[in-house]
C-alpha atoms as a PDB file:
ATOM      1  CA  UNK A   1       0.000   0.000   0.000  1.00  0.00           C
ATOM      2  CA  UNK A   2       1.410   3.387  -0.882  1.00  0.00           C
ATOM      3  CA  UNK A   3       0.483   6.706   0.583  1.00  0.00           C
ATOM      4  CA  UNK A   4       0.176   9.588  -1.843  1.00  0.00           C
ATOM      5  CA  UNK A   5       0.815  13.102  -0.571  1.00  0.00           C
ATOM      6  CA  UNK A   6      -1.997  15.530  -1.040  1.00  0.00           C
ATOM      7  CA  UNK A   7      -1.200  17.777  -3.961  1.00  0.00           C
ATOM      8  CA  UNK A   8      -3.512  20.367  -2.446  1.00  0.00           C
ATOM      9  CA  UNK A   9      -1.182  20.725   0.544  1.00  0.00           C
ATOM     10  CA  UNK A  10       1.419  22.229  -1.762  1.00  0.00           C
ATOM     11  CA  UNK A  11      -0.889  24.454  -3.808  1.00  0.00           C
ATOM     12  CA  UNK A  12      -0.264  28.158  -3.497  1.00  0.00           C
ATOM     13  CA  UNK A  13      -3.438  30.147  -3.155  1.00  0.00           C
ATOM     14  CA  UNK A  14      -3.648  33.450  -4.973  1.00  0.00           C
ATOM     15  CA  UNK A  15      -4.713  36.283  -2.741  1.00  0.00           C
ATOM     16  CA  UNK A  16      -5.207  39.973  -3.145  1.00  0.00           C
ATOM     17  CA  UNK A  17      -4.508  40.840   0.467  1.00  0.00           C
ATOM     18  CA  UNK A  18      -0.942  41.447   1.577  1.00  0.00           C
ATOM     19  CA  UNK A  19       0.414  41.327   5.108  1.00  0.00           C
ATOM     20  CA  UNK A  20       1.176  44.692   6.648  1.00  0.00           C
ATOM     21  CA  UNK A  21       4.825  45.645   7.054  1.00  0.00           C
ATOM     22  CA  UNK A  22       5.916  46.946  10.454  1.00  0.00           C
ATOM     23  CA  UNK A  23       8.851  48.974  11.627  1.00  0.00           C
ATOM     24  CA  UNK A  24      11.809  47.070  13.006  1.00  0.00           C
ATOM     25  CA  UNK A  25      11.438  48.127  16.617  1.00  0.00           C
ATOM     26  CA  UNK A  26      10.391  46.599  19.934  1.00  0.00           C
ATOM     27  CA  UNK A  27       6.669  46.868  19.214  1.00  0.00           C
ATOM     28  CA  UNK A  28       7.020  45.363  15.735  1.00  0.00           C
ATOM     29  CA  UNK A  29       9.034  42.448  17.103  1.00  0.00           C
ATOM     30  CA  UNK A  30       6.493  41.871  19.907  1.00  0.00           C
ATOM     31  CA  UNK A  31       3.669  41.768  17.369  1.00  0.00           C
ATOM     32  CA  UNK A  32       5.562  39.291  15.202  1.00  0.00           C
ATOM     33  CA  UNK A  33       6.420  37.022  18.135  1.00  0.00           C
ATOM     34  CA  UNK A  34       2.793  37.001  19.316  1.00  0.00           C
ATOM     35  CA  UNK A  35       2.030  34.977  16.175  1.00  0.00           C
ATOM     36  CA  UNK A  36       4.344  32.218  17.423  1.00  0.00           C
ATOM     37  CA  UNK A  37       2.800  30.001  20.083  1.00  0.00           C
ATOM     38  CA  UNK A  38       5.168  29.182  22.911  1.00  0.00           C
ATOM     39  CA  UNK A  39       5.137  26.665  25.724  1.00  0.00           C
ATOM     40  CA  UNK A  40       4.451  28.280  29.103  1.00  0.00           C
ATOM     41  CA  UNK A  41       6.916  27.677  31.933  1.00  0.00           C
ATOM     42  CA  UNK A  42       7.397  29.200  35.341  1.00  0.00           C
ATOM     43  CA  UNK A  43      11.046  29.800  36.163  1.00  0.00           C
ATOM     44  CA  UNK A  44      11.599  29.541  39.914  1.00  0.00           C
ATOM     45  CA  UNK A  45      14.599  30.268  42.115  1.00  0.00           C
ATOM     46  CA  UNK A  46      15.528  31.068  45.700  1.00  0.00           C
ATOM     47  CA  UNK A  47      14.525  29.863  49.151  1.00  0.00           C
ATOM     48  CA  UNK A  48      12.020  30.933  51.787  1.00  0.00           C
ATOM     49  CA  UNK A  49      11.095  34.601  51.555  1.00  0.00           C
ATOM     50  CA  UNK A  50      13.745  35.211  48.880  1.00  0.00           C
ATOM     51  CA  UNK A  51      11.900  32.916  46.440  1.00  0.00           C
ATOM     52  CA  UNK A  52      10.711  34.501  43.262  1.00  0.00           C
ATOM     53  CA  UNK A  53       9.979  33.526  39.708  1.00  0.00           C
ATOM     54  CA  UNK A  54       8.664  34.519  36.318  1.00  0.00           C
ATOM     55  CA  UNK A  55       6.372  33.147  33.647  1.00  0.00           C
ATOM     56  CA  UNK A  56       8.200  32.716  30.341  1.00  0.00           C
ATOM     57  CA  UNK A  57       7.809  31.250  26.885  1.00  0.00           C
ATOM     58  CA  UNK A  58      11.577  31.399  26.361  1.00  0.00           C
ATOM     59  CA  UNK A  59      12.646  28.137  28.025  1.00  0.00           C
ATOM     60  CA  UNK A  60      14.003  25.459  25.704  1.00  0.00           C
ATOM     61  CA  UNK A  61      16.663  22.799  25.440  1.00  0.00           C
ATOM     62  CA  UNK A  62      20.082  24.036  24.411  1.00  0.00           C
ATOM     63  CA  UNK A  63      21.448  20.503  24.211  1.00  0.00           C
ATOM     64  CA  UNK A  64      20.109  17.025  24.858  1.00  0.00           C
ATOM     65  CA  UNK A  65      23.578  15.491  25.267  1.00  0.00           C
ATOM     66  CA  UNK A  66      24.839  16.851  27.559  1.00  0.00           C
ATOM     67  CA  UNK A  67      21.469  17.896  29.057  1.00  0.00           C
ATOM     68  CA  UNK A  68      21.371  21.708  29.075  1.00  0.00           C
ATOM     69  CA  UNK A  69      18.552  24.251  29.161  1.00  0.00           C
ATOM     70  CA  UNK A  70      18.421  27.862  28.090  1.00  0.00           C
ATOM     71  CA  UNK A  71      16.087  30.574  29.330  1.00  0.00           C
ATOM     72  CA  UNK A  72      16.075  34.318  28.814  1.00  0.00           C
ATOM     73  CA  UNK A  73      15.180  36.585  31.724  1.00  0.00           C
ATOM     74  CA  UNK A  74      14.620  40.315  31.706  1.00  0.00           C
ATOM     75  CA  UNK A  75      17.585  42.028  33.345  1.00  0.00           C
ATOM     76  CA  UNK A  76      15.287  44.442  35.205  1.00  0.00           C
ATOM     77  CA  UNK A  77      13.072  41.676  36.643  1.00  0.00           C
ATOM     78  CA  UNK A  78      13.390  40.419  40.222  1.00  0.00           C
ATOM     79  CA  UNK A  79      14.081  36.834  39.113  1.00  0.00           C
ATOM     80  CA  UNK A  80      17.522  37.312  37.577  1.00  0.00           C
ATOM     81  CA  UNK A  81      19.374  38.444  40.751  1.00  0.00           C
ATOM     82  CA  UNK A  82      17.909  35.490  42.659  1.00  0.00           C
ATOM     83  CA  UNK A  83      18.996  33.041  39.945  1.00  0.00           C
ATOM     84  CA  UNK A  84      22.488  34.589  40.103  1.00  0.00           C
ATOM     85  CA  UNK A  85      22.614  34.518  43.921  1.00  0.00           C
ATOM     86  CA  UNK A  86      21.495  30.901  44.340  1.00  0.00           C
ATOM     87  CA  UNK A  87      23.010  29.496  41.151  1.00  0.00           C
ATOM     88  CA  UNK A  88      19.901  27.465  40.382  1.00  0.00           C
ATOM     89  CA  UNK A  89      16.547  27.599  38.636  1.00  0.00           C
ATOM     90  CA  UNK A  90      13.746  25.243  37.725  1.00  0.00           C
ATOM     91  CA  UNK A  91      11.809  25.233  34.473  1.00  0.00           C
ATOM     92  CA  UNK A  92       8.296  24.277  35.576  1.00  0.00           C
ATOM     93  CA  UNK A  93       6.254  23.396  32.478  1.00  0.00           C
ATOM     94  CA  UNK A  94       2.792  24.390  33.612  1.00  0.00           C
ATOM     95  CA  UNK A  95      -0.237  22.185  33.203  1.00  0.00           C
ATOM     96  CA  UNK A  96      -3.437  23.120  31.443  1.00  0.00           C
ATOM     97  CA  UNK A  97      -5.032  23.984  34.803  1.00  0.00           C
ATOM     98  CA  UNK A  98      -2.266  26.380  35.910  1.00  0.00           C
ATOM     99  CA  UNK A  99      -3.397  29.498  34.076  1.00  0.00           C
ATOM    100  CA  UNK A 100      -4.002  31.398  37.335  1.00  0.00           C
ATOM    101  CA  UNK A 101      -0.556  30.431  38.628  1.00  0.00           C
ATOM    102  CA  UNK A 102       1.059  31.447  35.326  1.00  0.00           C
ATOM    103  CA  UNK A 103      -0.629  34.846  35.642  1.00  0.00           C
ATOM    104  CA  UNK A 104       0.607  35.218  39.240  1.00  0.00           C
ATOM    105  CA  UNK A 105       4.200  34.600  38.172  1.00  0.00           C
ATOM    106  CA  UNK A 106       3.695  37.001  35.247  1.00  0.00           C
ATOM    107  CA  UNK A 107       3.008  39.698  37.833  1.00  0.00           C
ATOM    108  CA  UNK A 108      -0.713  40.066  37.226  1.00  0.00           C
ATOM    109  CA  UNK A 109      -2.489  41.014  40.412  1.00  0.00           C
ATOM    110  CA  UNK A 110       0.606  42.720  41.793  1.00  0.00           C
ATOM    111  CA  UNK A 111       2.043  39.694  43.623  1.00  0.00           C
ATOM    112  CA  UNK A 112       5.807  39.757  44.077  1.00  0.00           C
ATOM    113  CA  UNK A 113       8.504  37.382  45.284  1.00  0.00           C
ATOM    114  CA  UNK A 114       7.373  34.597  47.597  1.00  0.00           C
ATOM    115  CA  UNK A 115       3.726  35.763  47.372  1.00  0.00           C
ATOM    116  CA  UNK A 116       3.589  34.308  43.858  1.00  0.00           C
ATOM    117  CA  UNK A 117       3.934  30.780  45.284  1.00  0.00           C
ATOM    118  CA  UNK A 118       0.556  30.864  47.083  1.00  0.00           C
ATOM    119  CA  UNK A 119      -2.094  28.461  45.838  1.00  0.00           C
ATOM    120  CA  UNK A 120       0.227  25.635  44.771  1.00  0.00           C
ATOM    121  CA  UNK A 121       2.326  22.882  46.345  1.00  0.00           C
ATOM    122  CA  UNK A 122       6.102  23.136  45.992  1.00  0.00           C
ATOM    123  CA  UNK A 123       8.907  20.636  46.529  1.00  0.00           C
ATOM    124  CA  UNK A 124      12.648  20.659  45.807  1.00  0.00           C
ATOM    125  CA  UNK A 125      14.893  18.405  43.765  1.00  0.00           C
ATOM    126  CA  UNK A 126      18.693  18.347  43.470  1.00  0.00           C
ATOM    127  CA  UNK A 127      19.473  22.061  42.929  1.00  0.00           C
ATOM    128  CA  UNK A 128      17.222  23.344  45.700  1.00  0.00           C
ATOM    129  CA  UNK A 129      15.110  25.494  43.348  1.00  0.00           C
ATOM    130  CA  UNK A 130      11.345  25.369  43.992  1.00  0.00           C
ATOM    131  CA  UNK A 131       9.561  22.745  41.876  1.00  0.00           C
ATOM    132  CA  UNK A 132       5.818  22.851  41.174  1.00  0.00           C
ATOM    133  CA  UNK A 133       4.635  19.509  42.526  1.00  0.00           C
ATOM    134  CA  UNK A 134       1.983  18.888  39.876  1.00  0.00           C
ATOM    135  CA  UNK A 135       3.722  20.469  36.874  1.00  0.00           C
ATOM    136  CA  UNK A 136       3.405  18.859  33.458  1.00  0.00           C
ATOM    137  CA  UNK A 137       7.199  18.544  33.734  1.00  0.00           C
ATOM    138  CA  UNK A 138       9.921  20.111  35.838  1.00  0.00           C
ATOM    139  CA  UNK A 139      13.535  20.526  34.765  1.00  0.00           C
ATOM    140  CA  UNK A 140      15.826  21.341  37.668  1.00  0.00           C
ATOM    141  CA  UNK A 141      19.011  23.207  36.721  1.00  0.00           C
ATOM    142  CA  UNK A 142      22.215  24.617  38.139  1.00  0.00           C
ATOM    143  CA  UNK A 143      23.442  27.776  36.434  1.00  0.00           C
ATOM    144  CA  UNK A 144      26.310  26.988  34.093  1.00  0.00           C
ATOM    145  CA  UNK A 145      26.689  30.394  32.473  1.00  0.00           C
ATOM    146  CA  UNK A 146      24.909  33.718  32.375  1.00  0.00           C
ATOM    147  CA  UNK A 147      25.285  36.040  29.389  1.00  0.00           C
ATOM    148  CA  UNK A 148      23.887  39.568  29.597  1.00  0.00           C
ATOM    149  CA  UNK A 149      22.791  41.091  26.306  1.00  0.00           C
ATOM    150  CA  UNK A 150      20.641  44.165  25.799  1.00  0.00           C
ATOM    151  CA  UNK A 151      17.414  43.963  27.866  1.00  0.00           C
ATOM    152  CA  UNK A 152      17.771  40.277  28.814  1.00  0.00           C
ATOM    153  CA  UNK A 153      20.174  37.713  30.193  1.00  0.00           C
ATOM    154  CA  UNK A 154      20.634  34.306  28.621  1.00  0.00           C
ATOM    155  CA  UNK A 155      20.854  31.718  31.386  1.00  0.00           C
ATOM    156  CA  UNK A 156      22.389  28.351  30.527  1.00  0.00           C
ATOM    157  CA  UNK A 157      21.530  25.583  32.945  1.00  0.00           C
ATOM    158  CA  UNK A 158      23.032  22.162  33.557  1.00  0.00           C
ATOM    159  CA  UNK A 159      20.113  19.785  34.100  1.00  0.00           C
ATOM    160  CA  UNK A 160      20.465  18.041  37.469  1.00  0.00           C
ATOM    161  CA  UNK A 161      16.951  16.644  37.892  1.00  0.00           C
ATOM    162  CA  UNK A 162      13.797  15.914  35.915  1.00  0.00           C
ATOM    163  CA  UNK A 163      10.283  15.263  37.159  1.00  0.00           C
ATOM    164  CA  UNK A 164       7.547  14.219  34.717  1.00  0.00           C
ATOM    165  CA  UNK A 165       3.845  14.738  35.311  1.00  0.00           C
ATOM    166  CA  UNK A 166       0.845  13.215  33.619  1.00  0.00           C
ATOM    167  CA  UNK A 167      -1.010  16.268  32.373  1.00  0.00           C
ATOM    168  CA  UNK A 168      -1.263  18.460  29.325  1.00  0.00           C
ATOM    169  CA  UNK A 169       0.450  21.822  29.128  1.00  0.00           C
ATOM    170  CA  UNK A 170      -0.294  25.433  28.226  1.00  0.00           C
ATOM    171  CA  UNK A 171       0.705  27.348  25.120  1.00  0.00           C
ATOM    172  CA  UNK A 172       0.622  31.133  24.920  1.00  0.00           C
ATOM    173  CA  UNK A 173      -0.154  32.855  21.626  1.00  0.00           C
ATOM    174  CA  UNK A 174      -1.383  36.316  20.778  1.00  0.00           C
ATOM    175  CA  UNK A 175      -2.099  37.218  24.412  1.00  0.00           C
ATOM    176  CA  UNK A 176      -4.096  34.055  25.204  1.00  0.00           C
ATOM    177  CA  UNK A 177      -3.511  30.653  26.754  1.00  0.00           C
ATOM    178  CA  UNK A 178      -4.396  27.438  24.951  1.00  0.00           C
ATOM    179  CA  UNK A 179      -4.516  24.033  26.645  1.00  0.00           C
ATOM    180  CA  UNK A 180      -2.808  21.048  25.069  1.00  0.00           C
ATOM    181  CA  UNK A 181      -4.072  17.593  26.039  1.00  0.00           C
ATOM    182  CA  UNK A 182      -1.925  15.194  27.992  1.00  0.00           C
END
């Protein structure tokens, strides 16, 4: 039995409408990136009352072998100094039912620092960074290198622990969350 590709999938549709061009500036780049859906993670770091964190769509694998993660953090945000101080962070891939928590760590509602952790259960793995107990996945990292560029810092992490959940995750696109099944 052979499978034939759909010719229609490769057809180019003629259209009279053209996409709008935007200036190459921060707002233009934001608008372009909003078209790209990204996995939602909460980056956590610190201990006790010095705990803090941020919601990001910028966490991804740098390397599978050796296991390394990369995340970008705003240099003016409260999370970066805590990551630097403790030398650890956790990439908590949030589940489809963690939209409220993702908003808390994004700063909505005015919560800061350790206040953002309310409403969820937290544990620790090897690095000591806070780990969301019922995350879709958690990737525990020790900071390997930190590179400051422009408005953000690129944080490279050596993976020291992994915890897998059994739930779907969230994707963020164009200012909205979308649940992915699990």
